[in-house]
Amino acid sequence: MTRTIQQIKKDLEQIEEKVVLISEEIYRAYREYLGLLSEVVAKQFILAAYQVCTQIYPENFLKLSFSQRENLQRKLLKISQEDFTKLLDYLSPGENTLKLNDPIQLEEWLNNLENSVGLKLAEMSKLGDSTLQKVGILPEDIPGKIIEMAIEAEENIPRINSPANLLSIVTEKENNLSQMTVIKLSLGEIEFSDTNLSNHRNKIRAIRQEIKQIEQKYQRLIRELAIAEAETAWRSSWHF
């Protein structure tokens, strides 16, 4: 039996009320997650830099004077101190919560947040590699653009027996191939390194799965409403 427009709208209103509550819930979950992520990323970034300097290019690191090493470590520490919770402030300026009643908009907001996390990790990796290259730890004769292109070409290839958050790449300059290892922070590897962070991710994943189900139901109701309104419009103008 075809439902009335009023019945469909009532179902939509109930979904919208539920979405407001779940948007607030997932905002709180992300704030906790991003706060913890900031701490774990800082440790993993410094660990990756340590491995580059002492395990992969120890000879280059030993060429630095004590003051140069100290200055390098200070710069790396500064890069590592990234507050990922600021992404929430950027995406929801002036708000300490999130109140969206449209599941489609909520899904878009969440996707933007996840993309922002990935971009921030990439930015930190790039800054770290540039800092290491400037002091001669990484080869100085390879332009940063070539390094970026090599990372893009190889970052989706499964890493086998390689240290976490490091990527071995092959660069080409004037027909000469060179292999080098760079910092490449991976969200998956970072989460895997910390049980608490992984648990927070699982909580977010469960909430997002619920949002996806709500969004699918919402889309069906929107379609049902459009059909019901079109049928009503047809009948209202049919006088033949």
C-alpha atoms as a PDB file:
ATOM      1  CA  MET A   1       0.000   0.000   0.000  1.00  0.00           C
ATOM      2  CA  THR A   2       1.315   3.418  -1.005  1.00  0.00           C
ATOM      3  CA  ARG A   3       2.095   5.603   1.972  1.00  0.00           C
ATOM      4  CA  THR A   4       1.055   9.208   2.279  1.00  0.00           C
ATOM      5  CA  ILE A   5       3.399  12.138   1.943  1.00  0.00           C
ATOM      6  CA  GLN A   6       2.852  12.953   5.620  1.00  0.00           C
ATOM      7  CA  GLN A   7       3.895   9.433   6.675  1.00  0.00           C
ATOM      8  CA  ILE A   8       7.070   9.582   4.615  1.00  0.00           C
ATOM      9  CA  LYS A   9       7.966  13.030   5.941  1.00  0.00           C
ATOM     10  CA  LYS A  10       7.455  11.820   9.497  1.00  0.00           C
ATOM     11  CA  ASP A  11       9.933   8.966   8.895  1.00  0.00           C
ATOM     12  CA  LEU A  12      12.411  11.466   7.448  1.00  0.00           C
ATOM     13  CA  GLU A  13      12.051  13.706  10.490  1.00  0.00           C
ATOM     14  CA  GLN A  14      12.738  10.763  12.801  1.00  0.00           C
ATOM     15  CA  ILE A  15      15.881   9.908  10.843  1.00  0.00           C
ATOM     16  CA  GLU A  16      17.047  13.530  10.941  1.00  0.00           C
ATOM     17  CA  GLU A  17      16.609  13.613  14.725  1.00  0.00           C
ATOM     18  CA  LYS A  18      18.653  10.421  15.013  1.00  0.00           C
ATOM     19  CA  VAL A  19      21.356  11.822  12.724  1.00  0.00           C
ATOM     20  CA  VAL A  20      21.777  14.879  14.968  1.00  0.00           C
ATOM     21  CA  LEU A  21      22.463  12.584  17.927  1.00  0.00           C
ATOM     22  CA  ILE A  22      24.829  10.310  16.016  1.00  0.00           C
ATOM     23  CA  SER A  23      26.717  13.284  14.546  1.00  0.00           C
ATOM     24  CA  GLU A  24      27.371  14.525  18.084  1.00  0.00           C
ATOM     25  CA  GLU A  25      28.463  11.022  19.114  1.00  0.00           C
ATOM     26  CA  ILE A  26      30.935  10.561  16.287  1.00  0.00           C
ATOM     27  CA  TYR A  27      32.310  14.077  16.782  1.00  0.00           C
ATOM     28  CA  ARG A  28      33.181  13.151  20.377  1.00  0.00           C
ATOM     29  CA  ALA A  29      34.672   9.863  19.195  1.00  0.00           C
ATOM     30  CA  TYR A  30      36.854  11.654  16.646  1.00  0.00           C
ATOM     31  CA  ARG A  31      38.033  14.236  19.174  1.00  0.00           C
ATOM     32  CA  GLU A  32      39.238  11.440  21.459  1.00  0.00           C
ATOM     33  CA  TYR A  33      40.757   9.572  18.522  1.00  0.00           C
ATOM     34  CA  LEU A  34      42.555  12.597  17.068  1.00  0.00           C
ATOM     35  CA  GLY A  35      43.935  13.575  20.469  1.00  0.00           C
ATOM     36  CA  LEU A  36      45.420  10.122  20.867  1.00  0.00           C
ATOM     37  CA  LEU A  37      46.540  10.081  17.235  1.00  0.00           C
ATOM     38  CA  SER A  38      48.584  13.238  17.851  1.00  0.00           C
ATOM     39  CA  GLU A  39      50.524  11.471  20.606  1.00  0.00           C
ATOM     40  CA  VAL A  40      51.111   8.274  18.648  1.00  0.00           C
ATOM     41  CA  VAL A  41      52.102  10.093  15.433  1.00  0.00           C
ATOM     42  CA  ALA A  42      54.686  12.135  17.355  1.00  0.00           C
ATOM     43  CA  LYS A  43      56.325   8.940  18.641  1.00  0.00           C
ATOM     44  CA  GLN A  44      56.151   7.144  15.301  1.00  0.00           C
ATOM     45  CA  PHE A  45      57.525  10.125  13.381  1.00  0.00           C
ATOM     46  CA  ILE A  46      60.535  10.444  15.677  1.00  0.00           C
ATOM     47  CA  LEU A  47      61.066   6.671  15.546  1.00  0.00           C
ATOM     48  CA  ALA A  48      61.028   6.766  11.739  1.00  0.00           C
ATOM     49  CA  ALA A  49      63.532   9.657  11.704  1.00  0.00           C
ATOM     50  CA  TYR A  50      65.709   7.796  14.204  1.00  0.00           C
ATOM     51  CA  GLN A  51      65.772   4.712  11.962  1.00  0.00           C
ATOM     52  CA  VAL A  52      66.684   6.776   8.906  1.00  0.00           C
ATOM     53  CA  CYS A  53      69.550   8.452  10.748  1.00  0.00           C
ATOM     54  CA  THR A  54      70.954   5.481  12.677  1.00  0.00           C
ATOM     55  CA  GLN A  55      69.966   2.333  10.784  1.00  0.00           C
ATOM     56  CA  ILE A  56      69.782   3.348   7.128  1.00  0.00           C
ATOM     57  CA  TYR A  57      72.146   6.309   6.734  1.00  0.00           C
ATOM     58  CA  PRO A  58      74.361   6.147   9.858  1.00  0.00           C
ATOM     59  CA  GLU A  59      77.465   7.339   7.987  1.00  0.00           C
ATOM     60  CA  ASN A  60      75.706  10.524   6.870  1.00  0.00           C
ATOM     61  CA  PHE A  61      74.409  11.183  10.378  1.00  0.00           C
ATOM     62  CA  LEU A  62      77.887  10.772  11.876  1.00  0.00           C
ATOM     63  CA  LYS A  63      79.245  13.445   9.512  1.00  0.00           C
ATOM     64  CA  LEU A  64      77.162  16.041  11.353  1.00  0.00           C
ATOM     65  CA  SER A  65      78.693  17.970  14.228  1.00  0.00           C
ATOM     66  CA  PHE A  66      77.128  17.761  17.681  1.00  0.00           C
ATOM     67  CA  SER A  67      75.388  21.120  17.214  1.00  0.00           C
ATOM     68  CA  GLN A  68      74.108  20.084  13.769  1.00  0.00           C
ATOM     69  CA  ARG A  69      72.678  16.869  15.191  1.00  0.00           C
ATOM     70  CA  GLU A  70      71.080  18.785  18.041  1.00  0.00           C
ATOM     71  CA  ASN A  71      69.567  21.318  15.645  1.00  0.00           C
ATOM     72  CA  LEU A  72      68.269  18.541  13.381  1.00  0.00           C
ATOM     73  CA  GLN A  73      66.638  16.768  16.317  1.00  0.00           C
ATOM     74  CA  ARG A  74      65.040  20.012  17.463  1.00  0.00           C
ATOM     75  CA  LYS A  75      63.522  20.575  13.999  1.00  0.00           C
ATOM     76  CA  LEU A  76      62.262  17.003  13.774  1.00  0.00           C
ATOM     77  CA  LEU A  77      60.695  17.275  17.222  1.00  0.00           C
ATOM     78  CA  LYS A  78      58.887  20.444  16.163  1.00  0.00           C
ATOM     79  CA  ILE A  79      57.489  18.720  13.064  1.00  0.00           C
ATOM     80  CA  SER A  80      56.260  15.815  15.190  1.00  0.00           C
ATOM     81  CA  GLN A  81      54.203  18.065  17.484  1.00  0.00           C
ATOM     82  CA  GLU A  82      51.107  18.187  15.296  1.00  0.00           C
ATOM     83  CA  ASP A  83      47.717  18.625  16.969  1.00  0.00           C
ATOM     84  CA  PHE A  84      45.272  16.664  14.826  1.00  0.00           C
ATOM     85  CA  THR A  85      42.267  17.841  16.875  1.00  0.00           C
ATOM     86  CA  LYS A  86      42.681  21.221  15.154  1.00  0.00           C
ATOM     87  CA  LEU A  87      41.231  19.595  12.052  1.00  0.00           C
ATOM     88  CA  LEU A  88      37.882  19.522  13.858  1.00  0.00           C
ATOM     89  CA  ASP A  89      38.137  23.250  14.533  1.00  0.00           C
ATOM     90  CA  TYR A  90      38.955  23.847  10.875  1.00  0.00           C
ATOM     91  CA  LEU A  91      35.999  21.804   9.610  1.00  0.00           C
ATOM     92  CA  SER A  92      33.598  23.066  12.303  1.00  0.00           C
ATOM     93  CA  PRO A  93      34.799  26.598  13.108  1.00  0.00           C
ATOM     94  CA  GLY A  94      33.472  28.070  16.334  1.00  0.00           C
ATOM     95  CA  GLU A  95      31.816  24.801  17.358  1.00  0.00           C
ATOM     96  CA  ASN A  96      32.682  22.234  20.020  1.00  0.00           C
ATOM     97  CA  THR A  97      30.314  19.706  18.552  1.00  0.00           C
ATOM     98  CA  LEU A  98      28.698  18.693  15.298  1.00  0.00           C
ATOM     99  CA  LYS A  99      24.972  18.944  14.639  1.00  0.00           C
ATOM    100  CA  LEU A 100      24.001  17.736  11.202  1.00  0.00           C
ATOM    101  CA  ASN A 101      20.580  16.277  10.469  1.00  0.00           C
ATOM    102  CA  ASP A 102      21.322  15.120   6.928  1.00  0.00           C
ATOM    103  CA  PRO A 103      23.170  11.763   6.779  1.00  0.00           C
ATOM    104  CA  ILE A 104      24.501  12.564   3.305  1.00  0.00           C
ATOM    105  CA  GLN A 105      26.085  15.797   4.553  1.00  0.00           C
ATOM    106  CA  LEU A 106      27.402  13.959   7.612  1.00  0.00           C
ATOM    107  CA  GLU A 107      29.076  11.331   5.419  1.00  0.00           C
ATOM    108  CA  GLU A 108      30.659  14.082   3.308  1.00  0.00           C
ATOM    109  CA  TRP A 109      31.921  15.837   6.446  1.00  0.00           C
ATOM    110  CA  LEU A 110      33.465  12.620   7.734  1.00  0.00           C
ATOM    111  CA  ASN A 111      35.139  11.928   4.378  1.00  0.00           C
ATOM    112  CA  ASN A 112      36.614  15.445   4.394  1.00  0.00           C
ATOM    113  CA  LEU A 113      37.959  14.844   7.899  1.00  0.00           C
ATOM    114  CA  GLU A 114      39.584  11.545   6.939  1.00  0.00           C
ATOM    115  CA  ASN A 115      41.111  13.140   3.829  1.00  0.00           C
ATOM    116  CA  SER A 116      42.464  15.975   5.980  1.00  0.00           C
ATOM    117  CA  VAL A 117      44.152  13.465   8.297  1.00  0.00           C
ATOM    118  CA  GLY A 118      45.825  11.805   5.308  1.00  0.00           C
ATOM    119  CA  LEU A 119      46.973  15.141   3.904  1.00  0.00           C
ATOM    120  CA  LYS A 120      48.402  16.154   7.287  1.00  0.00           C
ATOM    121  CA  LEU A 121      50.394  12.917   7.531  1.00  0.00           C
ATOM    122  CA  ALA A 122      51.709  13.453   4.006  1.00  0.00           C
ATOM    123  CA  GLU A 123      52.697  17.018   4.887  1.00  0.00           C
ATOM    124  CA  MET A 124      54.589  15.859   7.982  1.00  0.00           C
ATOM    125  CA  SER A 125      56.374  13.172   5.956  1.00  0.00           C
ATOM    126  CA  LYS A 126      57.380  15.704   3.315  1.00  0.00           C
ATOM    127  CA  LEU A 127      58.680  18.160   5.921  1.00  0.00           C
ATOM    128  CA  GLY A 128      60.630  15.401   7.630  1.00  0.00           C
ATOM    129  CA  ASP A 129      62.235  14.200   4.408  1.00  0.00           C
ATOM    130  CA  SER A 130      63.060  17.764   3.351  1.00  0.00           C
ATOM    131  CA  THR A 131      64.680  18.427   6.742  1.00  0.00           C
ATOM    132  CA  LEU A 132      66.766  15.269   6.499  1.00  0.00           C
ATOM    133  CA  GLN A 133      67.776  16.077   2.949  1.00  0.00           C
ATOM    134  CA  LYS A 134      68.888  19.615   3.780  1.00  0.00           C
ATOM    135  CA  VAL A 135      71.475  18.344   6.274  1.00  0.00           C
ATOM    136  CA  GLY A 136      72.703  15.586   3.989  1.00  0.00           C
ATOM    137  CA  ILE A 137      71.124  12.558   5.621  1.00  0.00           C
ATOM    138  CA  LEU A 138      69.099  11.847   2.494  1.00  0.00           C
ATOM    139  CA  PRO A 139      70.824  12.370  -0.887  1.00  0.00           C
ATOM    140  CA  GLU A 140      70.940  16.090  -1.596  1.00  0.00           C
ATOM    141  CA  ASP A 141      71.212  15.794  -5.386  1.00  0.00           C
ATOM    142  CA  ILE A 142      67.702  14.386  -5.828  1.00  0.00           C
ATOM    143  CA  PRO A 143      65.113  17.176  -6.311  1.00  0.00           C
ATOM    144  CA  GLY A 144      62.187  17.080  -3.920  1.00  0.00           C
ATOM    145  CA  LYS A 145      59.739  16.859  -6.843  1.00  0.00           C
ATOM    146  CA  ILE A 146      61.359  13.660  -8.065  1.00  0.00           C
ATOM    147  CA  ILE A 147      61.143  12.201  -4.558  1.00  0.00           C
ATOM    148  CA  GLU A 148      57.434  13.086  -4.403  1.00  0.00           C
ATOM    149  CA  MET A 149      56.787  11.416  -7.770  1.00  0.00           C
ATOM    150  CA  ALA A 150      58.643   8.288  -6.676  1.00  0.00           C
ATOM    151  CA  ILE A 151      56.639   8.135  -3.436  1.00  0.00           C
ATOM    152  CA  GLU A 152      53.344   8.460  -5.343  1.00  0.00           C
ATOM    153  CA  ALA A 153      54.414   5.650  -7.682  1.00  0.00           C
ATOM    154  CA  GLU A 154      55.312   3.235  -4.896  1.00  0.00           C
ATOM    155  CA  GLU A 155      53.167   4.136  -1.880  1.00  0.00           C
ATOM    156  CA  ASN A 156      50.326   1.787  -2.911  1.00  0.00           C
ATOM    157  CA  ILE A 157      52.653  -1.186  -3.367  1.00  0.00           C
ATOM    158  CA  PRO A 158      52.484  -3.554  -0.349  1.00  0.00           C
ATOM    159  CA  ARG A 159      55.447  -3.087   1.984  1.00  0.00           C
ATOM    160  CA  ILE A 160      57.189  -6.371   2.745  1.00  0.00           C
ATOM    161  CA  ASN A 161      59.659  -6.621   5.644  1.00  0.00           C
ATOM    162  CA  SER A 162      60.128  -2.852   5.748  1.00  0.00           C
ATOM    163  CA  PRO A 163      60.116  -0.740   8.936  1.00  0.00           C
ATOM    164  CA  ALA A 164      56.859   1.015   9.749  1.00  0.00           C
ATOM    165  CA  ASN A 165      56.369   4.495   8.276  1.00  0.00           C
ATOM    166  CA  LEU A 166      59.388   4.191   5.990  1.00  0.00           C
ATOM    167  CA  LEU A 167      59.271   3.740   2.236  1.00  0.00           C
ATOM    168  CA  SER A 168      62.019   2.506  -0.038  1.00  0.00           C
ATOM    169  CA  ILE A 169      61.807   4.298  -3.377  1.00  0.00           C
ATOM    170  CA  VAL A 170      63.710   4.339  -6.638  1.00  0.00           C
ATOM    171  CA  THR A 171      64.449   7.726  -8.168  1.00  0.00           C
ATOM    172  CA  GLU A 172      65.785   8.556 -11.601  1.00  0.00           C
ATOM    173  CA  LYS A 173      67.966  11.510 -12.509  1.00  0.00           C
ATOM    174  CA  GLU A 174      69.746  11.856 -15.831  1.00  0.00           C
ATOM    175  CA  ASN A 175      69.084   8.173 -16.600  1.00  0.00           C
ATOM    176  CA  ASN A 176      70.681   7.108 -13.317  1.00  0.00           C
ATOM    177  CA  LEU A 177      68.608   5.059 -10.875  1.00  0.00           C
ATOM    178  CA  SER A 178      69.059   5.569  -7.147  1.00  0.00           C
ATOM    179  CA  GLN A 179      67.407   3.795  -4.242  1.00  0.00           C
ATOM    180  CA  MET A 180      66.640   5.677  -1.062  1.00  0.00           C
ATOM    181  CA  THR A 181      64.502   5.292   2.034  1.00  0.00           C
ATOM    182  CA  VAL A 182      62.249   8.133   3.137  1.00  0.00           C
ATOM    183  CA  ILE A 183      59.741   8.844   5.887  1.00  0.00           C
ATOM    184  CA  LYS A 184      56.215   8.017   4.745  1.00  0.00           C
ATOM    185  CA  LEU A 185      53.749   8.059   7.598  1.00  0.00           C
ATOM    186  CA  SER A 186      51.025   5.464   7.122  1.00  0.00           C
ATOM    187  CA  LEU A 187      47.779   5.796   9.084  1.00  0.00           C
ATOM    188  CA  GLY A 188      47.255   2.043   9.011  1.00  0.00           C
ATOM    189  CA  GLU A 189      50.730   1.339  10.404  1.00  0.00           C
ATOM    190  CA  ILE A 190      50.357   4.066  13.019  1.00  0.00           C
ATOM    191  CA  GLU A 191      47.050   2.631  14.229  1.00  0.00           C
ATOM    192  CA  PHE A 192      48.488  -0.890  14.232  1.00  0.00           C
ATOM    193  CA  SER A 193      51.324   0.241  16.509  1.00  0.00           C
ATOM    194  CA  ASP A 194      49.003   1.299  19.335  1.00  0.00           C
ATOM    195  CA  THR A 195      46.211  -0.903  20.723  1.00  0.00           C
ATOM    196  CA  ASN A 196      44.331   2.000  22.296  1.00  0.00           C
ATOM    197  CA  LEU A 197      44.348   3.960  19.052  1.00  0.00           C
ATOM    198  CA  SER A 198      43.247   0.869  17.144  1.00  0.00           C
ATOM    199  CA  ASN A 199      40.334   0.417  19.553  1.00  0.00           C
ATOM    200  CA  HIS A 200      39.262   4.020  18.985  1.00  0.00           C
ATOM    201  CA  ARG A 201      39.369   3.425  15.224  1.00  0.00           C
ATOM    202  CA  ASN A 202      37.174   0.340  15.627  1.00  0.00           C
ATOM    203  CA  LYS A 203      34.654   2.421  17.580  1.00  0.00           C
ATOM    204  CA  ILE A 204      34.564   5.023  14.811  1.00  0.00           C
ATOM    205  CA  ARG A 205      34.261   2.312  12.181  1.00  0.00           C
ATOM    206  CA  ALA A 206      31.206   0.874  13.954  1.00  0.00           C
ATOM    207  CA  ILE A 207      29.511   4.282  14.163  1.00  0.00           C
ATOM    208  CA  ARG A 208      30.258   4.993  10.516  1.00  0.00           C
ATOM    209  CA  GLN A 209      28.738   1.677   9.530  1.00  0.00           C
ATOM    210  CA  GLU A 210      25.561   2.701  11.333  1.00  0.00           C
ATOM    211  CA  ILE A 211      25.613   6.064   9.553  1.00  0.00           C
ATOM    212  CA  LYS A 212      25.973   4.297   6.207  1.00  0.00           C
ATOM    213  CA  GLN A 213      22.883   2.197   6.925  1.00  0.00           C
ATOM    214  CA  ILE A 214      20.935   5.294   7.975  1.00  0.00           C
ATOM    215  CA  GLU A 215      22.054   7.100   4.820  1.00  0.00           C
ATOM    216  CA  GLN A 216      20.816   4.241   2.621  1.00  0.00           C
ATOM    217  CA  LYS A 217      17.407   4.301   4.342  1.00  0.00           C
ATOM    218  CA  TYR A 218      17.316   8.103   4.047  1.00  0.00           C
ATOM    219  CA  GLN A 219      18.019   7.896   0.300  1.00  0.00           C
ATOM    220  CA  ARG A 220      15.181   5.390  -0.154  1.00  0.00           C
ATOM    221  CA  LEU A 221      12.773   7.672   1.738  1.00  0.00           C
ATOM    222  CA  ILE A 222      13.828  10.705  -0.329  1.00  0.00           C
ATOM    223  CA  ARG A 223      13.102   8.688  -3.461  1.00  0.00           C
ATOM    224  CA  GLU A 224       9.771   7.477  -2.060  1.00  0.00           C
ATOM    225  CA  LEU A 225       8.807  11.043  -1.184  1.00  0.00           C
ATOM    226  CA  ALA A 226       9.635  12.306  -4.666  1.00  0.00           C
ATOM    227  CA  ILE A 227       7.464   9.604  -6.223  1.00  0.00           C
ATOM    228  CA  ALA A 228       4.579  10.329  -3.849  1.00  0.00           C
ATOM    229  CA  GLU A 229       4.768  14.069  -4.534  1.00  0.00           C
ATOM    230  CA  ALA A 230       4.965  13.482  -8.287  1.00  0.00           C
ATOM    231  CA  GLU A 231       1.870  11.253  -8.166  1.00  0.00           C
ATOM    232  CA  THR A 232       0.001  13.922  -6.205  1.00  0.00           C
ATOM    233  CA  ALA A 233       1.083  16.604  -8.657  1.00  0.00           C
ATOM    234  CA  TRP A 234      -0.075  14.450 -11.576  1.00  0.00           C
ATOM    235  CA  ARG A 235      -3.498  13.908 -10.066  1.00  0.00           C
ATOM    236  CA  SER A 236      -3.906  17.589  -9.211  1.00  0.00           C
ATOM    237  CA  SER A 237      -3.423  18.666 -12.822  1.00  0.00           C
ATOM    238  CA  TRP A 238      -5.241  15.777 -14.527  1.00  0.00           C
ATOM    239  CA  HIS A 239      -8.657  17.151 -15.636  1.00  0.00           C
ATOM    240  CA  PHE A 240      -9.209  15.235 -18.857  1.00  0.00           C
END
